[in-house]
Amino acid sequence: MAQFEIAKDRIITVFGGSGFLGRYVVRALAQRGWRVRVASRRPDLAFHLQPLGRVGQIHAVQANLRYPASVSAAMRGSEAVVNLVGILAEQGRQNFEAVHLFGSRAVARAAQDHGIKTLVQMSAIGADPQSASDYARTKGKAEMAVREAIPEATVMRPSILFGPEDDFFNRFAALARMSPVLPLIAGGTTRFQPAFVGDVAEAVARVIEGVGMSGSTYELGGPDIRTFKDLLTYICAVTGRKRLLLPLSSSLAYYPAMVSEVANGLAMGALPSAFQLTRDQLKLLESDNVVSPAAQASNLTLQGLGIQPQSIESIVPTYLYRFRKSGQFDKNRQIA
C-alpha cells in the first residue's frame, strides 16, 4: 500500500482536473502519492474528486485561463503541471482561441516563471497549426506555444476517448434511442482508434513520474482501428437497437450543423448532447483520427509507455446497457 502514502512535498497542479479525463488523471496521480491541486473556474464543481484520494490529498482552487495571475497562483509550490483544458464546441467567451491557445500559453509561461519543467499538455490526434478545423488548428498552435516556453514539455495526442462518462458512445447511444436513423457523416468512412480514458490517464501519470521521453509528442490510440460506420454499428448491437445508417456527405450535413449551433446558442448550451453538432466538427470528421506511422515507429504510443490498451469490447458494454430497452435486465446484457 506504499503507493497510497502521501509525500507532502510533491504537489502537482492539474488544470481541467474536474472533467471527464481529469477525474481519471487525478486518481492516477493520487494513487502515486502526489498532492493534487485541481485548478478550475468553478472549484465547487470539483467536490466529486475528493473520494479519489485521502483526506486533504486533493484540493480544488480557483483559476481561470483567461487571467494569467490566477493561473500562476494555482501552481505556486508545484513540482509538475498537467493541462487538460479543452472544449469541443465554442460557447460565448469559451472559444477555441481563448481556451486552447491563450490558456495553454498562460499555463506554460506560468510554469516557466515558477521554474517547473515537468509539464504535460493534452492535445489531440490531428492537431495542426494549418488545419482547416478551428479546433485542430488551435490545438496545434497551443502545442507550439507550450514548447516555446517549456521545451521539455510532453504533448499527448489521444484519439477519441471512451469510458463511462464519454461524449462519443453515450451521445450516439442516446441518439439511437430517440431516432430511427443515424447519420454516417462523411460517408462513415473516417477511421478512429478509440482509447480508454483510464489508459490515457495512466500514460499521463507515468510521464509525470519520469517514464518515457520528455519533450516528445505521444499519440495515444486503442488496440483497434474502426470506421465511423463500424462504431455506430457496434453501438446499435450493444444497445439492441436496429437503426438505419444513412450516409451523409459533409456538404449535406452543413446546414443541419448550422441549425444545431444556433439552437444550442439560443438554449445557452442546454441542447442535449445527442443533437449537438457543429460545422467545425464536420471538418474534423473528414480526416482519419488514428496513430501515425511516425509515432508507431518511434514508439511514442501507449505501448511505448508500457501500457497495454484496453479494447472497446471490454469496457463499453459495461456502461451502455442503460440504453437498452430493458436496461440492466435486458436478456442480451452480456453482449460485447
Foldseek 3Di string as FASTA:
>chain_A
DVQQAADVQAEEEEEPLQDDLNLLLLLLQNSNRYQYEYEDQDQVSNPVSCVSHDVNSYHYDYDDLLDLVRLLVSCVSHQEYEYPWDDPDDFPPRDLCSTQASSLLSNLQSCLVNVHQEYEYEAAFQQDCPAPFSRSNSSVNSVVSNCVRHLQYEYEHEWQEDAQPGLPLVLLLVVLLPDQEDECEQQQAAKTFYFYSNLVSNVSSLVSVPFDGGSYYAYEGAPDMDTSVRSSVVSCVLQVGNHHYHYDYLVRCQVQQVVLVVVCNVVSNPPPSSSHHHNSVSSVSNHHRDDDPVNVVVLRYSVSRVDHTDDCLVGVLVNSQCSHPVRPPDPCSNGD
